[in-house]
PDB file of all heavy atoms in Angstrom:
ATOM      1  N   ARG A   1     148.463  68.111  24.138  1.00  0.00           N
ATOM      2  CA  ARG A   1     149.358  68.627  23.110  1.00  0.00           C
ATOM      3  C   ARG A   1     150.360  67.542  22.743  1.00  0.00           C
ATOM      4  O   ARG A   1     151.110  67.081  23.603  1.00  0.00           O
ATOM      5  CB  ARG A   1     150.094  69.873  23.594  1.00  0.00           C
ATOM      6  CG  ARG A   1     150.909  70.567  22.503  1.00  0.00           C
ATOM      7  CD  ARG A   1     151.732  71.672  23.091  1.00  0.00           C
ATOM      8  NE  ARG A   1     152.302  72.558  22.080  1.00  0.00           N
ATOM      9  CZ  ARG A   1     153.519  73.071  22.163  1.00  0.00           C
ATOM     10  NH1 ARG A   1     154.292  72.777  23.188  1.00  0.00           N
ATOM     11  NH2 ARG A   1     153.968  73.879  21.221  1.00  0.00           N
ATOM     12  N   LEU A   2     150.351  67.165  21.490  1.00  0.00           N
ATOM     13  CA  LEU A   2     151.289  66.171  20.987  1.00  0.00           C
ATOM     14  C   LEU A   2     152.473  66.865  20.335  1.00  0.00           C
ATOM     15  O   LEU A   2     152.325  67.933  19.723  1.00  0.00           O
ATOM     16  CB  LEU A   2     150.614  65.260  19.966  1.00  0.00           C
ATOM     17  CG  LEU A   2     149.335  64.546  20.393  1.00  0.00           C
ATOM     18  CD1 LEU A   2     148.849  63.638  19.266  1.00  0.00           C
ATOM     19  CD2 LEU A   2     149.528  63.774  21.672  1.00  0.00           C
ATOM     20  N   SER A   3     153.638  66.237  20.464  1.00  0.00           N
ATOM     21  CA  SER A   3     154.848  66.733  19.817  1.00  0.00           C
ATOM     22  C   SER A   3     155.499  65.608  19.035  1.00  0.00           C
ATOM     23  O   SER A   3     155.395  64.441  19.422  1.00  0.00           O
ATOM     24  CB  SER A   3     155.843  67.264  20.852  1.00  0.00           C
ATOM     25  OG  SER A   3     155.307  68.317  21.595  1.00  0.00           O
ATOM     26  N   CYS A   4     156.165  65.975  17.979  1.00  0.00           N
ATOM     27  CA  CYS A   4     156.894  64.983  17.167  1.00  0.00           C
ATOM     28  C   CYS A   4     158.148  65.655  16.629  1.00  0.00           C
ATOM     29  O   CYS A   4     158.065  66.681  15.952  1.00  0.00           O
ATOM     30  CB  CYS A   4     156.021  64.491  16.024  1.00  0.00           C
ATOM     31  SG  CYS A   4     156.907  63.486  14.806  1.00  0.00           S
ATOM     32  N   THR A   5     159.286  65.061  16.935  1.00  0.00           N
ATOM     33  CA  THR A   5     160.559  65.599  16.477  1.00  0.00           C
ATOM     34  C   THR A   5     161.216  64.633  15.503  1.00  0.00           C
ATOM     35  O   THR A   5     161.294  63.423  15.776  1.00  0.00           O
ATOM     36  CB  THR A   5     161.498  65.865  17.652  1.00  0.00           C
ATOM     37  OG1 THR A   5     160.901  66.853  18.510  1.00  0.00           O
ATOM     38  CG2 THR A   5     162.840  66.379  17.177  1.00  0.00           C
ATOM     39  N   ALA A   6     161.670  65.177  14.408  1.00  0.00           N
ATOM     40  CA  ALA A   6     162.373  64.388  13.397  1.00  0.00           C
ATOM     41  C   ALA A   6     163.876  64.523  13.609  1.00  0.00           C
ATOM     42  O   ALA A   6     164.402  65.635  13.645  1.00  0.00           O
ATOM     43  CB  ALA A   6     161.992  64.864  11.996  1.00  0.00           C
ATOM     44  N   SER A   7     164.541  63.399  13.733  1.00  0.00           N
ATOM     45  CA  SER A   7     165.995  63.402  13.855  1.00  0.00           C
ATOM     46  C   SER A   7     166.593  62.692  12.644  1.00  0.00           C
ATOM     47  O   SER A   7     165.908  61.975  11.926  1.00  0.00           O
ATOM     48  CB  SER A   7     166.423  62.705  15.139  1.00  0.00           C
ATOM     49  OG  SER A   7     165.997  61.346  15.147  1.00  0.00           O
ATOM     50  N   GLY A   8     167.883  62.936  12.423  1.00  0.00           N
ATOM     51  CA  GLY A   8     168.560  62.301  11.295  1.00  0.00           C
ATOM     52  C   GLY A   8     168.427  63.074  10.011  1.00  0.00           C
ATOM     53  O   GLY A   8     168.778  62.566   8.943  1.00  0.00           O
ATOM     54  N   SER A   9     167.941  64.309  10.103  1.00  0.00           N
ATOM     55  CA  SER A   9     167.777  65.134   8.911  1.00  0.00           C
ATOM     56  C   SER A   9     168.445  66.478   9.125  1.00  0.00           C
ATOM     57  O   SER A   9     168.236  67.109  10.160  1.00  0.00           O
ATOM     58  CB  SER A   9     166.298  65.338   8.616  1.00  0.00           C
ATOM     59  OG  SER A   9     166.127  66.328   7.627  1.00  0.00           O
ATOM     60  N   SER A  10     169.210  66.921   8.133  1.00  0.00           N
ATOM     61  CA  SER A  10     169.861  68.228   8.235  1.00  0.00           C
ATOM     62  C   SER A  10     169.052  69.299   7.513  1.00  0.00           C
ATOM     63  O   SER A  10     169.466  70.450   7.470  1.00  0.00           O
ATOM     64  CB  SER A  10     171.269  68.153   7.643  1.00  0.00           C
ATOM     65  OG  SER A  10     171.202  67.775   6.275  1.00  0.00           O
ATOM     66  N   PHE A  11     167.901  68.929   6.979  1.00  0.00           N
ATOM     67  CA  PHE A  11     167.080  69.866   6.230  1.00  0.00           C
ATOM     68  C   PHE A  11     165.709  69.969   6.869  1.00  0.00           C
ATOM     69  O   PHE A  11     165.296  69.106   7.654  1.00  0.00           O
ATOM     70  CB  PHE A  11     166.928  69.386   4.782  1.00  0.00           C
ATOM     71  CG  PHE A  11     166.559  67.922   4.669  1.00  0.00           C
ATOM     72  CD1 PHE A  11     165.256  67.490   4.857  1.00  0.00           C
ATOM     73  CD2 PHE A  11     167.540  66.982   4.400  1.00  0.00           C
ATOM     74  CE1 PHE A  11     164.924  66.150   4.775  1.00  0.00           C
ATOM     75  CE2 PHE A  11     167.216  65.639   4.313  1.00  0.00           C
ATOM     76  CZ  PHE A  11     165.909  65.220   4.502  1.00  0.00           C
ATOM     77  N   SER A  12     164.985  71.032   6.540  1.00  0.00           N
ATOM     78  CA  SER A  12     163.605  71.168   7.006  1.00  0.00           C
ATOM     79  C   SER A  12     162.718  70.281   6.149  1.00  0.00           C
ATOM     80  O   SER A  12     162.711  70.395   4.928  1.00  0.00           O
ATOM     81  CB  SER A  12     163.140  72.619   6.905  1.00  0.00           C
ATOM     82  OG  SER A  12     163.840  73.432   7.808  1.00  0.00           O
ATOM     83  N   ILE A  13     161.992  69.415   6.775  1.00  0.00           N
ATOM     84  CA  ILE A  13     161.135  68.460   6.074  1.00  0.00           C
ATOM     85  C   ILE A  13     159.941  69.178   5.458  1.00  0.00           C
ATOM     86  O   ILE A  13     159.295  69.990   6.116  1.00  0.00           O
ATOM     87  CB  ILE A  13     160.684  67.357   7.037  1.00  0.00           C
ATOM     88  CG1 ILE A  13     161.905  66.548   7.486  1.00  0.00           C
ATOM     89  CG2 ILE A  13     159.637  66.461   6.398  1.00  0.00           C
ATOM     90  CD1 ILE A  13     161.628  65.548   8.557  1.00  0.00           C
ATOM     91  N   ASN A  14     159.657  68.866   4.192  1.00  0.00           N
ATOM     92  CA  ASN A  14     158.624  69.580   3.444  1.00  0.00           C
ATOM     93  C   ASN A  14     157.262  69.539   4.122  1.00  0.00           C
ATOM     94  O   ASN A  14     156.616  70.568   4.309  1.00  0.00           O
ATOM     95  CB  ASN A  14     158.489  68.982   2.046  1.00  0.00           C
ATOM     96  CG  ASN A  14     159.552  69.499   1.100  1.00  0.00           C
ATOM     97  OD1 ASN A  14     160.272  70.456   1.419  1.00  0.00           O
ATOM     98  ND2 ASN A  14     159.680  68.871  -0.036  1.00  0.00           N
ATOM     99  N   LEU A  15     156.813  68.361   4.454  1.00  0.00           N
ATOM    100  CA  LEU A  15     155.457  68.197   4.948  1.00  0.00           C
ATOM    101  C   LEU A  15     155.472  67.317   6.189  1.00  0.00           C
ATOM    102  O   LEU A  15     156.055  66.239   6.175  1.00  0.00           O
ATOM    103  CB  LEU A  15     154.576  67.550   3.879  1.00  0.00           C
ATOM    104  CG  LEU A  15     153.061  67.579   4.083  1.00  0.00           C
ATOM    105  CD1 LEU A  15     152.552  69.018   4.068  1.00  0.00           C
ATOM    106  CD2 LEU A  15     152.382  66.763   2.990  1.00  0.00           C
ATOM    107  N   MET A  16     154.857  67.796   7.230  1.00  0.00           N
ATOM    108  CA  MET A  16     154.729  67.006   8.462  1.00  0.00           C
ATOM    109  C   MET A  16     153.278  67.020   8.903  1.00  0.00           C
ATOM    110  O   MET A  16     152.531  67.947   8.577  1.00  0.00           O
ATOM    111  CB  MET A  16     155.619  67.562   9.571  1.00  0.00           C
ATOM    112  CG  MET A  16     157.098  67.543   9.230  1.00  0.00           C
ATOM    113  SD  MET A  16     158.160  68.029  10.617  1.00  0.00           S
ATOM    114  CE  MET A  16     158.098  66.539  11.633  1.00  0.00           C
ATOM    115  N   GLY A  17     152.897  66.002   9.615  1.00  0.00           N
ATOM    116  CA  GLY A  17     151.505  65.973  10.029  1.00  0.00           C
ATOM    117  C   GLY A  17     151.181  64.844  10.970  1.00  0.00           C
ATOM    118  O   GLY A  17     152.084  64.135  11.450  1.00  0.00           O
ATOM    119  N   TRP A  18     149.902  64.695  11.213  1.00  0.00           N
ATOM    120  CA  TRP A  18     149.394  63.705  12.147  1.00  0.00           C
ATOM    121  C   TRP A  18     148.264  62.907  11.504  1.00  0.00           C
ATOM    122  O   TRP A  18     147.405  63.470  10.805  1.00  0.00           O
ATOM    123  CB  TRP A  18     148.865  64.379  13.406  1.00  0.00           C
ATOM    124  CG  TRP A  18     149.927  65.065  14.198  1.00  0.00           C
ATOM    125  CD1 TRP A  18     150.319  66.368  14.100  1.00  0.00           C
ATOM    126  CD2 TRP A  18     150.749  64.471  15.205  1.00  0.00           C
ATOM    127  NE1 TRP A  18     151.333  66.615  14.983  1.00  0.00           N
ATOM    128  CE2 TRP A  18     151.611  65.477  15.680  1.00  0.00           C
ATOM    129  CE3 TRP A  18     150.838  63.198  15.762  1.00  0.00           C
ATOM    130  CZ2 TRP A  18     152.552  65.248  16.688  1.00  0.00           C
ATOM    131  CZ3 TRP A  18     151.761  62.965  16.763  1.00  0.00           C
ATOM    132  CH2 TRP A  18     152.607  63.977  17.212  1.00  0.00           C
ATOM    133  N   TYR A  19     148.300  61.628  11.758  1.00  0.00           N
ATOM    134  CA  TYR A  19     147.223  60.719  11.416  1.00  0.00           C
ATOM    135  C   TYR A  19     146.797  60.014  12.694  1.00  0.00           C
ATOM    136  O   TYR A  19     147.541  60.006  13.677  1.00  0.00           O
ATOM    137  CB  TYR A  19     147.686  59.682  10.386  1.00  0.00           C
ATOM    138  CG  TYR A  19     147.940  60.228   9.010  1.00  0.00           C
ATOM    139  CD1 TYR A  19     149.040  61.034   8.742  1.00  0.00           C
ATOM    140  CD2 TYR A  19     147.067  59.942   7.961  1.00  0.00           C
ATOM    141  CE1 TYR A  19     149.266  61.548   7.475  1.00  0.00           C
ATOM    142  CE2 TYR A  19     147.290  60.437   6.680  1.00  0.00           C
ATOM    143  CZ  TYR A  19     148.388  61.232   6.458  1.00  0.00           C
ATOM    144  OH  TYR A  19     148.606  61.729   5.186  1.00  0.00           O
ATOM    145  N   ARG A  20     145.633  59.415  12.668  1.00  0.00           N
ATOM    146  CA  ARG A  20     145.201  58.655  13.839  1.00  0.00           C
ATOM    147  C   ARG A  20     144.464  57.396  13.397  1.00  0.00           C
ATOM    148  O   ARG A  20     143.906  57.341  12.297  1.00  0.00           O
ATOM    149  CB  ARG A  20     144.293  59.486  14.748  1.00  0.00           C
ATOM    150  CG  ARG A  20     142.936  59.842  14.157  1.00  0.00           C
ATOM    151  CD  ARG A  20     142.171  60.759  15.098  1.00  0.00           C
ATOM    152  NE  ARG A  20     140.863  61.119  14.557  1.00  0.00           N
ATOM    153  CZ  ARG A  20     140.055  62.019  15.129  1.00  0.00           C
ATOM    154  NH1 ARG A  20     140.426  62.647  16.234  1.00  0.00           N
ATOM    155  NH2 ARG A  20     138.894  62.273  14.586  1.00  0.00           N
ATOM    156  N   GLN A  21     144.479  56.427  14.285  1.00  0.00           N
ATOM    157  CA  GLN A  21     143.788  55.168  14.023  1.00  0.00           C
ATOM    158  C   GLN A  21     143.031  54.746  15.267  1.00  0.00           C
ATOM    159  O   GLN A  21     143.638  54.475  16.318  1.00  0.00           O
ATOM    160  CB  GLN A  21     144.778  54.083  13.615  1.00  0.00           C
ATOM    161  CG  GLN A  21     144.113  52.810  13.132  1.00  0.00           C
ATOM    162  CD  GLN A  21     145.085  51.892  12.406  1.00  0.00           C
ATOM    163  OE1 GLN A  21     146.303  52.045  12.505  1.00  0.00           O
ATOM    164  NE2 GLN A  21     144.548  50.945  11.664  1.00  0.00           N
ATOM    165  N   ALA A  22     141.717  54.720  15.135  1.00  0.00           N
ATOM    166  CA  ALA A  22     140.864  54.273  16.222  1.00  0.00           C
ATOM    167  C   ALA A  22     140.742  52.748  16.169  1.00  0.00           C
ATOM    168  O   ALA A  22     140.931  52.149  15.106  1.00  0.00           O
ATOM    169  CB  ALA A  22     139.481  54.911  16.111  1.00  0.00           C
ATOM    170  N   PRO A  23     140.409  52.121  17.277  1.00  0.00           N
ATOM    171  CA  PRO A  23     140.271  50.657  17.290  1.00  0.00           C
ATOM    172  C   PRO A  23     139.276  50.177  16.244  1.00  0.00           C
ATOM    173  O   PRO A  23     138.156  50.690  16.160  1.00  0.00           O
ATOM    174  CB  PRO A  23     139.764  50.372  18.705  1.00  0.00           C
ATOM    175  CG  PRO A  23     140.260  51.512  19.519  1.00  0.00           C
ATOM    176  CD  PRO A  23     140.224  52.705  18.614  1.00  0.00           C
ATOM    177  N   GLY A  24     139.698  49.243  15.407  1.00  0.00           N
ATOM    178  CA  GLY A  24     138.819  48.675  14.395  1.00  0.00           C
ATOM    179  C   GLY A  24     138.590  49.550  13.180  1.00  0.00           C
ATOM    180  O   GLY A  24     137.766  49.206  12.317  1.00  0.00           O
ATOM    181  N   LYS A  25     139.303  50.665  13.089  1.00  0.00           N
ATOM    182  CA  LYS A  25     139.110  51.574  11.963  1.00  0.00           C
ATOM    183  C   LYS A  25     140.420  51.791  11.218  1.00  0.00           C
ATOM    184  O   LYS A  25     141.497  51.491  11.723  1.00  0.00           O
ATOM    185  CB  LYS A  25     138.556  52.914  12.448  1.00  0.00           C
ATOM    186  CG  LYS A  25     137.157  52.819  13.042  1.00  0.00           C
ATOM    187  CD  LYS A  25     136.613  54.196  13.368  1.00  0.00           C
ATOM    188  CE  LYS A  25     135.200  54.123  13.914  1.00  0.00           C
ATOM    189  NZ  LYS A  25     134.658  55.485  14.210  1.00  0.00           N
ATOM    190  N   GLN A  26     140.302  52.335  10.022  1.00  0.00           N
ATOM    191  CA  GLN A  26     141.484  52.635   9.230  1.00  0.00           C
ATOM    192  C   GLN A  26     142.164  53.903   9.735  1.00  0.00           C
ATOM    193  O   GLN A  26     141.530  54.768  10.347  1.00  0.00           O
ATOM    194  CB  GLN A  26     141.093  52.804   7.759  1.00  0.00           C
ATOM    195  CG  GLN A  26     140.665  51.525   7.073  1.00  0.00           C
ATOM    196  CD  GLN A  26     140.457  51.714   5.589  1.00  0.00           C
ATOM    197  OE1 GLN A  26     140.129  52.810   5.129  1.00  0.00           O
ATOM    198  NE2 GLN A  26     140.644  50.660   4.818  1.00  0.00           N
ATOM    199  N   ARG A  27     143.435  53.996   9.445  1.00  0.00           N
ATOM    200  CA  ARG A  27     144.174  55.202   9.781  1.00  0.00           C
ATOM    201  C   ARG A  27     143.634  56.355   8.940  1.00  0.00           C
ATOM    202  O   ARG A  27     143.382  56.205   7.736  1.00  0.00           O
ATOM    203  CB  ARG A  27     145.661  55.003   9.515  1.00  0.00           C
ATOM    204  CG  ARG A  27     146.557  56.068  10.100  1.00  0.00           C
ATOM    205  CD  ARG A  27     148.028  55.714   9.928  1.00  0.00           C
ATOM    206  NE  ARG A  27     148.381  54.494  10.643  1.00  0.00           N
ATOM    207  CZ  ARG A  27     149.635  54.067  10.765  1.00  0.00           C
ATOM    208  NH1 ARG A  27     150.630  54.748  10.227  1.00  0.00           N
ATOM    209  NH2 ARG A  27     149.878  52.931  11.407  1.00  0.00           N
ATOM    210  N   GLU A  28     143.474  57.524   9.574  1.00  0.00           N
ATOM    211  CA  GLU A  28     142.913  58.669   8.875  1.00  0.00           C
ATOM    212  C   GLU A  28     143.742  59.920   9.134  1.00  0.00           C
ATOM    213  O   GLU A  28     144.405  60.052  10.175  1.00  0.00           O
ATOM    214  CB  GLU A  28     141.464  58.927   9.321  1.00  0.00           C
ATOM    215  CG  GLU A  28     141.317  59.267  10.786  1.00  0.00           C
ATOM    216  CD  GLU A  28     139.879  59.570  11.197  1.00  0.00           C
ATOM    217  OE1 GLU A  28     138.974  59.465  10.347  1.00  0.00           O
ATOM    218  OE2 GLU A  28     139.674  59.916  12.373  1.00  0.00           O
ATOM    219  N   LEU A  29     143.655  60.837   8.199  1.00  0.00           N
ATOM    220  CA  LEU A  29     144.360  62.103   8.327  1.00  0.00           C
ATOM    221  C   LEU A  29     143.737  62.952   9.428  1.00  0.00           C
ATOM    222  O   LEU A  29     142.519  63.043   9.531  1.00  0.00           O
ATOM    223  CB  LEU A  29     144.292  62.866   7.009  1.00  0.00           C
ATOM    224  CG  LEU A  29     144.792  64.305   7.045  1.00  0.00           C
ATOM    225  CD1 LEU A  29     146.301  64.341   7.235  1.00  0.00           C
ATOM    226  CD2 LEU A  29     144.376  65.042   5.789  1.00  0.00           C
ATOM    227  N   VAL A  30     144.595  63.581  10.219  1.00  0.00           N
ATOM    228  CA  VAL A  30     144.140  64.569  11.192  1.00  0.00           C
ATOM    229  C   VAL A  30     144.497  65.968  10.694  1.00  0.00           C
ATOM    230  O   VAL A  30     143.632  66.815  10.518  1.00  0.00           O
ATOM    231  CB  VAL A  30     144.773  64.317  12.575  1.00  0.00           C
ATOM    232  CG1 VAL A  30     144.379  65.420  13.552  1.00  0.00           C
ATOM    233  CG2 VAL A  30     144.372  62.950  13.110  1.00  0.00           C
ATOM    234  N   ALA A  31     145.792  66.216  10.467  1.00  0.00           N
ATOM    235  CA  ALA A  31     146.221  67.537  10.025  1.00  0.00           C
ATOM    236  C   ALA A  31     147.611  67.443   9.412  1.00  0.00           C
ATOM    237  O   ALA A  31     148.413  66.585   9.787  1.00  0.00           O
ATOM    238  CB  ALA A  31     146.236  68.524  11.196  1.00  0.00           C
ATOM    239  N   LEU A  32     147.872  68.366   8.467  1.00  0.00           N
ATOM    240  CA  LEU A  32     149.168  68.470   7.820  1.00  0.00           C
ATOM    241  C   LEU A  32     149.628  69.916   7.845  1.00  0.00           C
ATOM    242  O   LEU A  32     148.798  70.833   7.849  1.00  0.00           O
ATOM    243  CB  LEU A  32     149.086  68.003   6.360  1.00  0.00           C
ATOM    244  CG  LEU A  32     148.698  66.551   6.095  1.00  0.00           C
ATOM    245  CD1 LEU A  32     148.473  66.340   4.609  1.00  0.00           C
ATOM    246  CD2 LEU A  32     149.769  65.615   6.619  1.00  0.00           C
ATOM    247  N   ILE A  33     150.954  70.102   7.818  1.00  0.00           N
ATOM    248  CA  ILE A  33     151.499  71.446   7.734  1.00  0.00           C
ATOM    249  C   ILE A  33     152.757  71.408   6.890  1.00  0.00           C
ATOM    250  O   ILE A  33     153.612  70.536   7.065  1.00  0.00           O
ATOM    251  CB  ILE A  33     151.764  72.033   9.140  1.00  0.00           C
ATOM    252  CG1 ILE A  33     152.229  73.483   9.030  1.00  0.00           C
ATOM    253  CG2 ILE A  33     152.750  71.176   9.928  1.00  0.00           C
ATOM    254  CD1 ILE A  33     152.213  74.212  10.374  1.00  0.00           C
ATOM    255  N   SER A  34     152.865  72.346   5.968  1.00  0.00           N
ATOM    256  CA  SER A  34     154.028  72.415   5.106  1.00  0.00           C
ATOM    257  C   SER A  34     155.147  73.212   5.775  1.00  0.00           C
ATOM    258  O   SER A  34     154.922  73.884   6.790  1.00  0.00           O
ATOM    259  CB  SER A  34     153.655  73.075   3.778  1.00  0.00           C
ATOM    260  OG  SER A  34     153.419  74.455   3.985  1.00  0.00           O
ATOM    261  N   VAL A  35     156.323  73.169   5.178  1.00  0.00           N
ATOM    262  CA  VAL A  35     157.443  73.920   5.736  1.00  0.00           C
ATOM    263  C   VAL A  35     157.152  75.419   5.694  1.00  0.00           C
ATOM    264  O   VAL A  35     157.664  76.183   6.518  1.00  0.00           O
ATOM    265  CB  VAL A  35     158.739  73.572   4.983  1.00  0.00           C
ATOM    266  CG1 VAL A  35     158.673  74.062   3.542  1.00  0.00           C
ATOM    267  CG2 VAL A  35     159.957  74.103   5.701  1.00  0.00           C
ATOM    268  N   GLY A  36     156.287  75.836   4.789  1.00  0.00           N
ATOM    269  CA  GLY A  36     155.908  77.238   4.701  1.00  0.00           C
ATOM    270  C   GLY A  36     154.763  77.635   5.606  1.00  0.00           C
ATOM    271  O   GLY A  36     154.366  78.807   5.633  1.00  0.00           O
ATOM    272  N   GLY A  37     154.193  76.652   6.311  1.00  0.00           N
ATOM    273  CA  GLY A  37     153.129  76.954   7.265  1.00  0.00           C
ATOM    274  C   GLY A  37     151.713  76.747   6.748  1.00  0.00           C
ATOM    275  O   GLY A  37     150.748  77.020   7.465  1.00  0.00           O
ATOM    276  N   ASN A  38     151.570  76.268   5.526  1.00  0.00           N
ATOM    277  CA  ASN A  38     150.223  75.972   5.028  1.00  0.00           C
ATOM    278  C   ASN A  38     149.678  74.726   5.729  1.00  0.00           C
ATOM    279  O   ASN A  38     150.388  73.746   5.894  1.00  0.00           O
ATOM    280  CB  ASN A  38     150.253  75.745   3.520  1.00  0.00           C
ATOM    281  CG  ASN A  38     150.630  76.995   2.766  1.00  0.00           C
ATOM    282  OD1 ASN A  38     150.176  78.089   3.090  1.00  0.00           O
ATOM    283  ND2 ASN A  38     151.471  76.852   1.759  1.00  0.00           N
ATOM    284  N   THR A  39     148.408  74.809   6.123  1.00  0.00           N
ATOM    285  CA  THR A  39     147.813  73.721   6.899  1.00  0.00           C
ATOM    286  C   THR A  39     146.608  73.111   6.201  1.00  0.00           C
ATOM    287  O   THR A  39     145.954  73.756   5.369  1.00  0.00           O
ATOM    288  CB  THR A  39     147.386  74.213   8.292  1.00  0.00           C
ATOM    289  OG1 THR A  39     146.443  75.288   8.129  1.00  0.00           O
ATOM    290  CG2 THR A  39     148.579  74.705   9.087  1.00  0.00           C
ATOM    291  N   ASN A  40     146.335  71.868   6.586  1.00  0.00           N
ATOM    292  CA  ASN A  40     145.178  71.154   6.065  1.00  0.00           C
ATOM    293  C   ASN A  40     144.649  70.287   7.199  1.00  0.00           C
ATOM    294  O   ASN A  40     145.421  69.567   7.834  1.00  0.00           O
ATOM    295  CB  ASN A  40     145.577  70.283   4.874  1.00  0.00           C
ATOM    296  CG  ASN A  40     144.385  69.585   4.255  1.00  0.00           C
ATOM    297  OD1 ASN A  40     143.286  70.122   4.241  1.00  0.00           O
ATOM    298  ND2 ASN A  40     144.602  68.379   3.756  1.00  0.00           N
ATOM    299  N   TYR A  41     143.333  70.372   7.441  1.00  0.00           N
ATOM    300  CA  TYR A  41     142.728  69.634   8.541  1.00  0.00           C
ATOM    301  C   TYR A  41     141.605  68.728   8.047  1.00  0.00           C
ATOM    302  O   TYR A  41     140.923  69.031   7.067  1.00  0.00           O
ATOM    303  CB  TYR A  41     142.114  70.602   9.565  1.00  0.00           C
ATOM    304  CG  TYR A  41     143.098  71.452  10.312  1.00  0.00           C
ATOM    305  CD1 TYR A  41     143.424  72.722   9.858  1.00  0.00           C
ATOM    306  CD2 TYR A  41     143.683  70.996  11.494  1.00  0.00           C
ATOM    307  CE1 TYR A  41     144.324  73.516  10.548  1.00  0.00           C
ATOM    308  CE2 TYR A  41     144.575  71.788  12.188  1.00  0.00           C
ATOM    309  CZ  TYR A  41     144.892  73.051  11.712  1.00  0.00           C
ATOM    310  OH  TYR A  41     145.776  73.830  12.403  1.00  0.00           O
ATOM    311  N   ALA A  42     141.399  67.659   8.778  1.00  0.00           N
ATOM    312  CA  ALA A  42     140.230  66.828   8.520  1.00  0.00           C
ATOM    313  C   ALA A  42     138.973  67.631   8.850  1.00  0.00           C
ATOM    314  O   ALA A  42     138.935  68.334   9.866  1.00  0.00           O
ATOM    315  CB  ALA A  42     140.293  65.565   9.377  1.00  0.00           C
TER     316      ALA A  42
END
């Protein structure tokens, strides 16, 4: 389970998500989630 906390912001960030980069490959989308809870997955 990965966690990511945003500091320095007094507002809820619109869109947060995860990307990954394997050795020798380009960075790719893993998943996104909006402030309203809408999700998008690879």
